C-alpha atoms as a PDB file:
ATOM      1  CA  MET A   1       0.000   0.000   0.000  1.00  0.00           C
ATOM      2  CA  ALA A   2       2.780   2.429   0.903  1.00  0.00           C
ATOM      3  CA  ALA A   3       5.356   1.386  -1.714  1.00  0.00           C
ATOM      4  CA  GLY A   4       6.292   4.108  -4.179  1.00  0.00           C
ATOM      5  CA  LEU A   5       4.748   6.995  -2.249  1.00  0.00           C
ATOM      6  CA  PRO A   6       6.673  10.319  -2.191  1.00  0.00           C
ATOM      7  CA  LEU A   7       8.768  11.063   0.877  1.00  0.00           C
ATOM      8  CA  SER A   8       6.444  13.924   1.838  1.00  0.00           C
ATOM      9  CA  THR A   9       3.477  11.538   1.834  1.00  0.00           C
ATOM     10  CA  LEU A  10       5.298   8.941   3.941  1.00  0.00           C
ATOM     11  CA  LEU A  11       6.297  11.618   6.453  1.00  0.00           C
ATOM     12  CA  SER A  12       2.725  12.920   6.461  1.00  0.00           C
ATOM     13  CA  GLN A  13       1.062   9.580   7.015  1.00  0.00           C
ATOM     14  CA  ALA A  14       3.465   8.655   9.808  1.00  0.00           C
ATOM     15  CA  LEU A  15       2.866  12.034  11.406  1.00  0.00           C
ATOM     16  CA  VAL A  16      -0.900  11.581  11.149  1.00  0.00           C
ATOM     17  CA  ALA A  17      -0.780   8.075  12.594  1.00  0.00           C
ATOM     18  CA  PHE A  18       1.430   9.126  15.517  1.00  0.00           C
ATOM     19  CA  PRO A  19      -0.847  11.798  17.058  1.00  0.00           C
ATOM     20  CA  ILE A  20      -3.967   9.738  16.364  1.00  0.00           C
ATOM     21  CA  GLN A  21      -2.497   6.882  18.410  1.00  0.00           C
ATOM     22  CA  LEU A  22      -1.374   9.285  21.122  1.00  0.00           C
ATOM     23  CA  ASP A  23      -4.785  11.008  21.133  1.00  0.00           C
ATOM     24  CA  ASN A  24      -6.498   7.620  21.457  1.00  0.00           C
ATOM     25  CA  GLU A  25      -4.281   6.703  24.403  1.00  0.00           C
ATOM     26  CA  PHE A  26      -4.768  10.108  26.039  1.00  0.00           C
ATOM     27  CA  GLU A  27      -8.534   9.755  25.659  1.00  0.00           C
ATOM     28  CA  ARG A  28      -8.402   6.329  27.339  1.00  0.00           C
ATOM     29  CA  GLN A  29      -6.237   7.389  30.303  1.00  0.00           C
ATOM     30  CA  VAL A  30      -7.346  10.917  31.153  1.00  0.00           C
ATOM     31  CA  PRO A  31     -10.807  11.993  32.398  1.00  0.00           C
ATOM     32  CA  HIS A  32     -12.358  14.313  29.812  1.00  0.00           C
ATOM     33  CA  ARG A  33     -15.494  15.721  28.259  1.00  0.00           C
ATOM     34  CA  THR A  34     -16.572  15.895  24.603  1.00  0.00           C
ATOM     35  CA  SER A  35     -19.564  17.306  22.743  1.00  0.00           C
ATOM     36  CA  LYS A  36     -21.255  13.889  23.040  1.00  0.00           C
ATOM     37  CA  PHE A  37     -20.313  13.291  26.674  1.00  0.00           C
ATOM     38  CA  LYS A  38     -20.708  16.673  28.352  1.00  0.00           C
ATOM     39  CA  SER A  39     -21.661  15.108  31.687  1.00  0.00           C
ATOM     40  CA  ARG A  40     -18.288  13.413  32.138  1.00  0.00           C
ATOM     41  CA  ASP A  41     -15.752  14.785  34.588  1.00  0.00           C
ATOM     42  CA  GLY A  42     -12.521  16.370  33.452  1.00  0.00           C
ATOM     43  CA  PRO A  43     -11.401  18.989  30.935  1.00  0.00           C
ATOM     44  CA  TRP A  44     -12.483  19.217  27.312  1.00  0.00           C
ATOM     45  CA  LEU A  45     -10.759  16.627  25.112  1.00  0.00           C
ATOM     46  CA  VAL A  46      -8.062  18.167  22.920  1.00  0.00           C
ATOM     47  CA  SER A  47      -5.595  16.849  20.361  1.00  0.00           C
ATOM     48  CA  MET A  48      -1.848  16.394  20.680  1.00  0.00           C
ATOM     49  CA  VAL A  49      -1.384  19.078  18.024  1.00  0.00           C
ATOM     50  CA  MET A  50      -3.439  21.589  20.007  1.00  0.00           C
ATOM     51  CA  TRP A  51      -1.358  20.776  23.070  1.00  0.00           C
ATOM     52  CA  TRP A  52       1.941  21.392  21.212  1.00  0.00           C
ATOM     53  CA  ASN A  53       0.715  24.592  19.556  1.00  0.00           C
ATOM     54  CA  CYS A  54      -1.232  26.150  22.434  1.00  0.00           C
ATOM     55  CA  MET A  55      -1.775  24.370  25.727  1.00  0.00           C
ATOM     56  CA  ARG A  56       1.842  23.633  26.656  1.00  0.00           C
ATOM     57  CA  PHE A  57       2.395  27.336  27.142  1.00  0.00           C
ATOM     58  CA  VAL A  58      -0.332  27.672  29.791  1.00  0.00           C
ATOM     59  CA  GLY A  59       1.804  26.344  32.637  1.00  0.00           C
ATOM     60  CA  GLU A  60      -0.761  24.178  34.464  1.00  0.00           C
ATOM     61  CA  GLU A  61       0.380  20.919  36.045  1.00  0.00           C
ATOM     62  CA  GLY A  62      -0.798  17.805  34.206  1.00  0.00           C
ATOM     63  CA  ILE A  63       0.184  14.705  32.311  1.00  0.00           C
ATOM     64  CA  GLN A  64       3.007  15.216  29.842  1.00  0.00           C
ATOM     65  CA  ALA A  65       2.645  14.167  26.215  1.00  0.00           C
ATOM     66  CA  ASP A  66       5.912  12.225  26.242  1.00  0.00           C
ATOM     67  CA  GLU A  67       4.606  10.046  29.087  1.00  0.00           C
ATOM     68  CA  LEU A  68       2.057   8.659  26.652  1.00  0.00           C
ATOM     69  CA  GLU A  69       4.241   8.315  23.552  1.00  0.00           C
ATOM     70  CA  GLN A  70       7.168   6.491  25.219  1.00  0.00           C
ATOM     71  CA  GLN A  71       7.476   2.823  24.179  1.00  0.00           C
ATOM     72  CA  ARG A  72       4.215   2.755  22.155  1.00  0.00           C
ATOM     73  CA  TRP A  73       5.827   2.534  18.690  1.00  0.00           C
ATOM     74  CA  GLN A  74       8.806   0.581  20.019  1.00  0.00           C
ATOM     75  CA  ALA A  75       6.457  -2.156  21.181  1.00  0.00           C
ATOM     76  CA  ARG A  76       4.579  -2.132  17.858  1.00  0.00           C
ATOM     77  CA  PHE A  77       7.463  -1.959  15.401  1.00  0.00           C
ATOM     78  CA  GLY A  78      10.513  -3.075  17.374  1.00  0.00           C
ATOM     79  CA  LEU A  79      13.394  -1.151  18.899  1.00  0.00           C
ATOM     80  CA  ASP A  80      15.708  -1.561  15.889  1.00  0.00           C
ATOM     81  CA  LEU A  81      13.261  -0.099  13.381  1.00  0.00           C
ATOM     82  CA  ILE A  82      12.432   2.874  15.608  1.00  0.00           C
ATOM     83  CA  ARG A  83      16.153   3.479  16.167  1.00  0.00           C
ATOM     84  CA  GLN A  84      16.643   3.514  12.386  1.00  0.00           C
ATOM     85  CA  LEU A  85      13.756   5.937  12.008  1.00  0.00           C
ATOM     86  CA  ARG A  86      15.105   8.269  14.692  1.00  0.00           C
ATOM     87  CA  GLU A  87      18.668   8.212  13.345  1.00  0.00           C
ATOM     88  CA  SER A  88      17.652   8.913   9.738  1.00  0.00           C
ATOM     89  CA  LEU A  89      15.210  11.649  10.798  1.00  0.00           C
ATOM     90  CA  SER A  90      17.819  13.266  13.039  1.00  0.00           C
ATOM     91  CA  ALA A  91      20.330  13.330  10.174  1.00  0.00           C
ATOM     92  CA  LEU A  92      17.717  14.858   7.885  1.00  0.00           C
ATOM     93  CA  VAL A  93      16.548  17.461  10.408  1.00  0.00           C
ATOM     94  CA  LEU A  94      20.135  18.577  11.031  1.00  0.00           C
ATOM     95  CA  GLN A  95      20.273  19.547   7.356  1.00  0.00           C
ATOM     96  CA  VAL A  96      16.804  20.905   6.583  1.00  0.00           C
ATOM     97  CA  GLY A  97      14.756  21.653   9.697  1.00  0.00           C
ATOM     98  CA  ALA A  98      16.846  22.227  12.825  1.00  0.00           C
ATOM     99  CA  ASP A  99      15.338  25.655  13.507  1.00  0.00           C
ATOM    100  CA  LEU A 100      11.689  24.696  12.988  1.00  0.00           C
ATOM    101  CA  PRO A 101       9.006  24.143  15.678  1.00  0.00           C
ATOM    102  CA  ASP A 102       8.399  20.769  17.287  1.00  0.00           C
ATOM    103  CA  CYS A 103       4.877  20.429  15.894  1.00  0.00           C
ATOM    104  CA  LEU A 104       3.152  21.301  12.641  1.00  0.00           C
ATOM    105  CA  PRO A 105       1.446  24.689  12.989  1.00  0.00           C
ATOM    106  CA  ILE A 106      -2.262  25.154  12.396  1.00  0.00           C
ATOM    107  CA  LEU A 107      -2.657  25.837   8.666  1.00  0.00           C
ATOM    108  CA  GLY A 108      -3.094  29.483   7.749  1.00  0.00           C
ATOM    109  CA  PHE A 109      -4.926  31.298   4.962  1.00  0.00           C
ATOM    110  CA  GLY A 110      -4.871  29.254   1.781  1.00  0.00           C
ATOM    111  CA  LEU A 111      -4.023  26.229   3.959  1.00  0.00           C
ATOM    112  CA  PHE A 112      -0.350  27.191   3.785  1.00  0.00           C
ATOM    113  CA  SER A 113       2.125  25.979   6.417  1.00  0.00           C
ATOM    114  CA  ARG A 114       3.498  28.977   8.264  1.00  0.00           C
ATOM    115  CA  ALA A 115       7.113  28.867   9.443  1.00  0.00           C
ATOM    116  CA  GLN A 116       7.148  29.806  13.120  1.00  0.00           C
ATOM    117  CA  ALA A 117      10.001  30.380  15.523  1.00  0.00           C
ATOM    118  CA  GLY A 118      11.920  27.222  16.208  1.00  0.00           C
ATOM    119  CA  SER A 119      12.400  25.322  19.439  1.00  0.00           C
ATOM    120  CA  GLN A 120      15.193  26.184  21.847  1.00  0.00           C
ATOM    121  CA  ASN A 121      16.267  22.562  21.464  1.00  0.00           C
ATOM    122  CA  GLY A 122      17.667  23.373  18.016  1.00  0.00           C
ATOM    123  CA  ALA A 123      18.979  20.242  16.343  1.00  0.00           C
ATOM    124  CA  ASP A 124      18.799  18.137  19.525  1.00  0.00           C
ATOM    125  CA  VAL A 125      18.709  14.475  18.475  1.00  0.00           C
ATOM    126  CA  ASP A 126      16.864  13.622  21.697  1.00  0.00           C
ATOM    127  CA  LEU A 127      13.727  15.400  20.502  1.00  0.00           C
ATOM    128  CA  PRO A 128      10.516  13.354  20.608  1.00  0.00           C
ATOM    129  CA  LEU A 129       9.928  11.307  17.482  1.00  0.00           C
ATOM    130  CA  SER A 130       6.864  13.405  16.694  1.00  0.00           C
ATOM    131  CA  ALA A 131       9.020  16.560  16.736  1.00  0.00           C
ATOM    132  CA  LEU A 132      11.536  15.046  14.323  1.00  0.00           C
ATOM    133  CA  LEU A 133       8.730  14.012  11.961  1.00  0.00           C
ATOM    134  CA  SER A 134       7.134  17.451  12.210  1.00  0.00           C
ATOM    135  CA  ARG A 135      10.332  19.354  11.502  1.00  0.00           C
ATOM    136  CA  ALA A 136      11.198  17.201   8.482  1.00  0.00           C
ATOM    137  CA  LEU A 137       7.717  17.493   6.981  1.00  0.00           C
ATOM    138  CA  LEU A 138       7.382  21.219   7.675  1.00  0.00           C
ATOM    139  CA  ALA A 139      10.757  21.829   6.024  1.00  0.00           C
ATOM    140  CA  PHE A 140       9.480  19.986   2.948  1.00  0.00           C
ATOM    141  CA  ALA A 141       6.225  21.963   2.921  1.00  0.00           C
ATOM    142  CA  ILE A 142       7.990  25.315   3.274  1.00  0.00           C
ATOM    143  CA  GLU A 143      10.359  24.502   0.410  1.00  0.00           C
ATOM    144  CA  PHE A 144       7.434  23.332  -1.733  1.00  0.00           C
ATOM    145  CA  GLU A 145       5.306  26.392  -0.991  1.00  0.00           C
ATOM    146  CA  ARG A 146       8.120  28.826  -1.818  1.00  0.00           C
ATOM    147  CA  GLU A 147       7.812  27.629  -5.409  1.00  0.00           C
ATOM    148  CA  SER A 148       4.085  26.889  -5.638  1.00  0.00           C
ATOM    149  CA  ASP A 149       0.972  29.043  -5.780  1.00  0.00           C
ATOM    150  CA  LEU A 150      -0.879  26.291  -3.900  1.00  0.00           C
ATOM    151  CA  SER A 151      -0.198  24.877  -0.468  1.00  0.00           C
ATOM    152  CA  LEU A 152       1.112  21.350  -0.110  1.00  0.00           C
ATOM    153  CA  ALA A 153      -2.004  20.509   1.918  1.00  0.00           C
ATOM    154  CA  ILE A 154      -4.312  21.346  -1.002  1.00  0.00           C
ATOM    155  CA  SER A 155      -2.019  19.953  -3.687  1.00  0.00           C
ATOM    156  CA  ALA A 156      -1.264  16.623  -2.012  1.00  0.00           C
ATOM    157  CA  ASN A 157      -4.723  15.881  -0.633  1.00  0.00           C
ATOM    158  CA  VAL A 158      -7.234  17.234  -3.152  1.00  0.00           C
ATOM    159  CA  LEU A 159      -5.622  18.448  -6.379  1.00  0.00           C
ATOM    160  CA  ARG A 160      -3.754  15.156  -6.677  1.00  0.00           C
ATOM    161  CA  LEU A 161      -7.002  13.167  -6.983  1.00  0.00           C
ATOM    162  CA  LEU A 162      -8.971  15.301  -9.432  1.00  0.00           C
ATOM    163  CA  ASN A 163      -9.264  14.998 -13.203  1.00  0.00           C
ATOM    164  CA  GLU A 164     -11.117  16.551 -16.131  1.00  0.00           C
ATOM    165  CA  ASN A 165     -13.883  13.938 -16.040  1.00  0.00           C
ATOM    166  CA  GLY A 166     -15.091  14.894 -12.597  1.00  0.00           C
ATOM    167  CA  ALA A 167     -15.494  13.209  -9.224  1.00  0.00           C
ATOM    168  CA  PRO A 168     -18.342  13.381  -6.675  1.00  0.00           C
ATOM    169  CA  VAL A 169     -17.519  15.907  -3.974  1.00  0.00           C
ATOM    170  CA  ARG A 170     -19.070  13.620  -1.352  1.00  0.00           C
ATOM    171  CA  ASP A 171     -16.448  10.937  -2.129  1.00  0.00           C
ATOM    172  CA  LEU A 172     -13.435  13.156  -1.467  1.00  0.00           C
ATOM    173  CA  PRO A 173     -13.316  12.762   2.352  1.00  0.00           C
ATOM    174  CA  ILE A 174     -13.035   8.976   1.956  1.00  0.00           C
ATOM    175  CA  LEU A 175     -10.497   9.220  -0.875  1.00  0.00           C
ATOM    176  CA  THR A 176      -8.282  11.768   0.890  1.00  0.00           C
ATOM    177  CA  GLY A 177      -8.630  10.780   4.553  1.00  0.00           C
ATOM    178  CA  VAL A 178      -9.504  14.340   5.616  1.00  0.00           C
ATOM    179  CA  SER A 179     -12.732  15.870   6.882  1.00  0.00           C
ATOM    180  CA  LYS A 180     -15.583  17.349   4.851  1.00  0.00           C
ATOM    181  CA  GLN A 181     -14.784  20.764   6.290  1.00  0.00           C
ATOM    182  CA  ALA A 182     -11.162  20.541   5.153  1.00  0.00           C
ATOM    183  CA  ILE A 183     -12.297  19.455   1.674  1.00  0.00           C
ATOM    184  CA  SER A 184     -14.691  22.390   1.478  1.00  0.00           C
ATOM    185  CA  MET A 185     -11.896  24.834   2.322  1.00  0.00           C
ATOM    186  CA  ALA A 186      -9.550  23.303  -0.247  1.00  0.00           C
ATOM    187  CA  LEU A 187     -12.174  23.341  -3.006  1.00  0.00           C
ATOM    188  CA  GLY A 188     -12.911  26.963  -2.244  1.00  0.00           C
ATOM    189  CA  PHE A 189      -9.334  27.948  -3.040  1.00  0.00           C
ATOM    190  CA  LEU A 190      -9.161  25.722  -6.125  1.00  0.00           C
ATOM    191  CA  ARG A 191     -12.313  27.335  -7.476  1.00  0.00           C
ATOM    192  CA  LYS A 192     -11.094  30.838  -6.640  1.00  0.00           C
ATOM    193  CA  LYS A 193      -7.918  30.221  -8.639  1.00  0.00           C
ATOM    194  CA  ARG A 194      -9.975  28.681 -11.481  1.00  0.00           C
ATOM    195  CA  LEU A 195      -8.205  25.369 -11.146  1.00  0.00           C
ATOM    196  CA  ALA A 196     -11.415  23.426 -10.568  1.00  0.00           C
ATOM    197  CA  VAL A 197     -15.150  23.818 -11.061  1.00  0.00           C
ATOM    198  CA  VAL A 198     -17.962  22.359  -8.991  1.00  0.00           C
ATOM    199  CA  ALA A 199     -21.270  21.743 -10.762  1.00  0.00           C
ATOM    200  CA  PRO A 200     -24.364  19.507 -10.564  1.00  0.00           C
ATOM    201  CA  ASP A 201     -23.904  15.942 -11.762  1.00  0.00           C
ATOM    202  CA  PRO A 202     -24.708  15.871 -15.518  1.00  0.00           C
ATOM    203  CA  ALA A 203     -26.154  12.385 -15.015  1.00  0.00           C
ATOM    204  CA  GLY A 204     -29.009  13.958 -13.080  1.00  0.00           C
ATOM    205  CA  SER A 205     -28.219  12.904  -9.518  1.00  0.00           C
ATOM    206  CA  ARG A 206     -28.280  15.408  -6.665  1.00  0.00           C
ATOM    207  CA  ALA A 207     -24.539  15.021  -6.138  1.00  0.00           C
ATOM    208  CA  LYS A 208     -22.071  17.807  -6.872  1.00  0.00           C
ATOM    209  CA  ILE A 209     -19.198  17.000  -9.225  1.00  0.00           C
ATOM    210  CA  VAL A 210     -15.758  18.614  -9.126  1.00  0.00           C
ATOM    211  CA  ARG A 211     -13.481  18.539 -12.134  1.00  0.00           C
ATOM    212  CA  LEU A 212     -10.172  20.085 -13.098  1.00  0.00           C
ATOM    213  CA  THR A 213      -9.902  22.914 -15.598  1.00  0.00           C
ATOM    214  CA  PRO A 214      -6.989  22.872 -18.089  1.00  0.00           C
ATOM    215  CA  LYS A 215      -5.230  25.296 -15.740  1.00  0.00           C
ATOM    216  CA  GLY A 216      -5.860  22.871 -12.893  1.00  0.00           C
ATOM    217  CA  ARG A 217      -4.373  19.966 -14.825  1.00  0.00           C
ATOM    218  CA  ALA A 218      -1.233  22.015 -15.401  1.00  0.00           C
ATOM    219  CA  ALA A 219      -1.078  22.785 -11.670  1.00  0.00           C
ATOM    220  CA  GLN A 220      -1.458  19.074 -10.897  1.00  0.00           C
ATOM    221  CA  ASP A 221       1.468  18.204 -13.183  1.00  0.00           C
ATOM    222  CA  ALA A 222       3.549  20.987 -11.616  1.00  0.00           C
ATOM    223  CA  HIS A 223       2.800  19.598  -8.129  1.00  0.00           C
ATOM    224  CA  LEU A 224       4.109  16.143  -9.021  1.00  0.00           C
ATOM    225  CA  GLN A 225       7.210  17.561 -10.679  1.00  0.00           C
ATOM    226  CA  LEU A 226       8.030  19.806  -7.737  1.00  0.00           C
ATOM    227  CA  ILE A 227       7.718  16.902  -5.300  1.00  0.00           C
ATOM    228  CA  GLU A 228      10.295  14.971  -7.335  1.00  0.00           C
ATOM    229  CA  ILE A 229      12.586  17.995  -7.601  1.00  0.00           C
ATOM    230  CA  ILE A 230      12.625  18.566  -3.831  1.00  0.00           C
ATOM    231  CA  GLU A 231      13.263  14.893  -3.122  1.00  0.00           C
ATOM    232  CA  ALA A 232      16.224  14.999  -5.521  1.00  0.00           C
ATOM    233  CA  ARG A 233      17.564  18.113  -3.776  1.00  0.00           C
ATOM    234  CA  TRP A 234      17.298  16.433  -0.387  1.00  0.00           C
ATOM    235  CA  LYS A 235      19.155  13.355  -1.629  1.00  0.00           C
ATOM    236  CA  THR A 236      21.977  15.634  -2.745  1.00  0.00           C
ATOM    237  CA  ARG A 237      21.901  17.706   0.465  1.00  0.00           C
ATOM    238  CA  CYS A 238      21.451  14.910   3.006  1.00  0.00           C
ATOM    239  CA  GLY A 239      22.821  11.889   1.180  1.00  0.00           C
ATOM    240  CA  GLY A 240      20.905   9.364  -0.893  1.00  0.00           C
ATOM    241  CA  ALA A 241      21.439   6.626   1.705  1.00  0.00           C
ATOM    242  CA  THR A 242      19.764   8.682   4.456  1.00  0.00           C
ATOM    243  CA  ILE A 243      16.686   9.345   2.315  1.00  0.00           C
ATOM    244  CA  ARG A 244      16.460   5.715   1.164  1.00  0.00           C
ATOM    245  CA  VAL A 245      16.658   4.350   4.724  1.00  0.00           C
ATOM    246  CA  LEU A 246      14.102   6.892   5.938  1.00  0.00           C
ATOM    247  CA  GLY A 247      11.699   6.049   3.116  1.00  0.00           C
ATOM    248  CA  SER A 248      12.055   2.313   3.718  1.00  0.00           C
ATOM    249  CA  VAL A 249      11.377   2.613   7.456  1.00  0.00           C
ATOM    250  CA  LEU A 250       8.441   4.971   6.945  1.00  0.00           C
ATOM    251  CA  GLU A 251       6.866   2.543   4.472  1.00  0.00           C
ATOM    252  CA  LYS A 252       6.839  -0.122   7.187  1.00  0.00           C
ATOM    253  CA  VAL A 253       5.365   2.269   9.738  1.00  0.00           C
ATOM    254  CA  VAL A 254       2.517   3.590   7.583  1.00  0.00           C
ATOM    255  CA  SER A 255       1.646   0.109   6.262  1.00  0.00           C
ATOM    256  CA  ASP A 256       0.754  -1.137   9.755  1.00  0.00           C
ATOM    257  CA  PRO A 257      -2.915  -2.243   9.478  1.00  0.00           C
ATOM    258  CA  ALA A 258      -3.605  -1.652  13.176  1.00  0.00           C
ATOM    259  CA  ALA A 259      -2.097   1.840  13.310  1.00  0.00           C
ATOM    260  CA  LEU A 260      -5.433   3.617  13.620  1.00  0.00           C
ATOM    261  CA  ASP A 261      -7.457   1.198  15.729  1.00  0.00           C
ATOM    262  CA  PRO A 262      -9.213   3.298  18.411  1.00  0.00           C
ATOM    263  CA  TYR A 263     -10.155   2.082  21.847  1.00  0.00           C
ATOM    264  CA  PRO A 264     -13.811   1.018  22.236  1.00  0.00           C
ATOM    265  CA  GLY A 265     -15.780   3.943  23.576  1.00  0.00           C
ATOM    266  CA  GLY A 266     -13.455   6.567  22.121  1.00  0.00           C
ATOM    267  CA  TRP A 267     -14.902   9.190  19.809  1.00  0.00           C
ATOM    268  CA  ARG A 268     -13.063   7.788  16.773  1.00  0.00           C
ATOM    269  CA  ALA A 269     -14.627   4.362  17.412  1.00  0.00           C
ATOM    270  CA  GLN A 270     -18.002   5.899  16.514  1.00  0.00           C
ATOM    271  CA  PHE A 271     -16.896   6.407  12.897  1.00  0.00           C
ATOM    272  CA  PRO A 272     -15.713   4.029  10.155  1.00  0.00           C
ATOM    273  CA  LYS A 273     -11.986   3.402  10.065  1.00  0.00           C
ATOM    274  CA  PRO A 274     -10.416   5.652   7.389  1.00  0.00           C
ATOM    275  CA  ALA A 275      -9.535   3.995   4.100  1.00  0.00           C
ATOM    276  CA  THR A 276      -6.355   6.079   3.822  1.00  0.00           C
ATOM    277  CA  LEU A 277      -4.290   8.612   5.699  1.00  0.00           C
ATOM    278  CA  PRO A 278      -3.893  12.177   4.421  1.00  0.00           C
ATOM    279  CA  HIS A 279      -1.012  12.912   2.070  1.00  0.00           C
ATOM    280  CA  TYR A 280      -0.456  16.053   4.166  1.00  0.00           C
ATOM    281  CA  PRO A 281      -1.851  16.674   7.673  1.00  0.00           C
ATOM    282  CA  MET A 282      -4.816  19.054   7.622  1.00  0.00           C
ATOM    283  CA  VAL A 283      -4.262  20.697  11.015  1.00  0.00           C
ATOM    284  CA  LEU A 284      -7.138  23.183  11.291  1.00  0.00           C
ATOM    285  CA  HIS A 285      -8.304  25.598  13.983  1.00  0.00           C
ATOM    286  CA  ARG A 286     -11.283  23.278  14.540  1.00  0.00           C
ATOM    287  CA  GLY A 287      -9.334  21.259  17.099  1.00  0.00           C
ATOM    288  CA  GLY A 288      -5.918  20.489  15.712  1.00  0.00           C
ATOM    289  CA  PHE A 289      -6.675  16.906  14.671  1.00  0.00           C
ATOM    290  CA  PRO A 290      -4.442  16.041  11.686  1.00  0.00           C
ATOM    291  CA  ASP A 291      -7.296  14.793   9.482  1.00  0.00           C
ATOM    292  CA  GLY A 292      -9.147  18.086   9.900  1.00  0.00           C
ATOM    293  CA  SER A 293     -11.714  16.675  12.345  1.00  0.00           C
END
């Protein structure tokens, strides 16, 4: 399933799977409330991403995120594979993302990834695995978006799947692994730039169909080419062996069939298991969940 995916997609899917597993574990261990369970004791349930971006600065005593993430992936994938992942990510981050934040920021206008002030830890190889993944992926997104009129989030998740024949809008959340709200935002920008059009189904159904314009098809081709160009640059900058080892390890991580299994009773257990993970995390202001939930 994961073989042949671009490095940015492998980084993305690993970085989506990691906080989802941590969020599931946090939900199981910590008393909380949600919109469906307002009578429960405890604070409102939040995501790992919201904690990294906002809540860790509040200063209240509480459970630390690294208490939950320790040993979880080591037990699932084995110590040797996780050591390989950490070593290759650390080597990459030293070259491309040492001064970036420890978590992906909430996407800004146009769903662009905004470069924020980096962590005081700098290029510390003892950073949490999630921080290493975040820095590597954010460095890729920033480099991509310097040369693209579209964000990597829109290009990798939505533009990538469209064609001139049209696709039902209602199918896009399943095909992309991101929420309906995130899809709606992405389509809004594609339509504004005249890269895609949304119209009633010509077959007569009530469904809306989205299709690429000729300009959109050119943008799609440019997206794929730029992904390949950046990967080639990184192989030159960081060493081909580092990128090959990282890609191989990430393929094993994101191919794990049990990676997204929620605990019974958790809010994710109330929905069907996603058919795929996003090709770029859609971290929105709605709650910081990486699939845009």
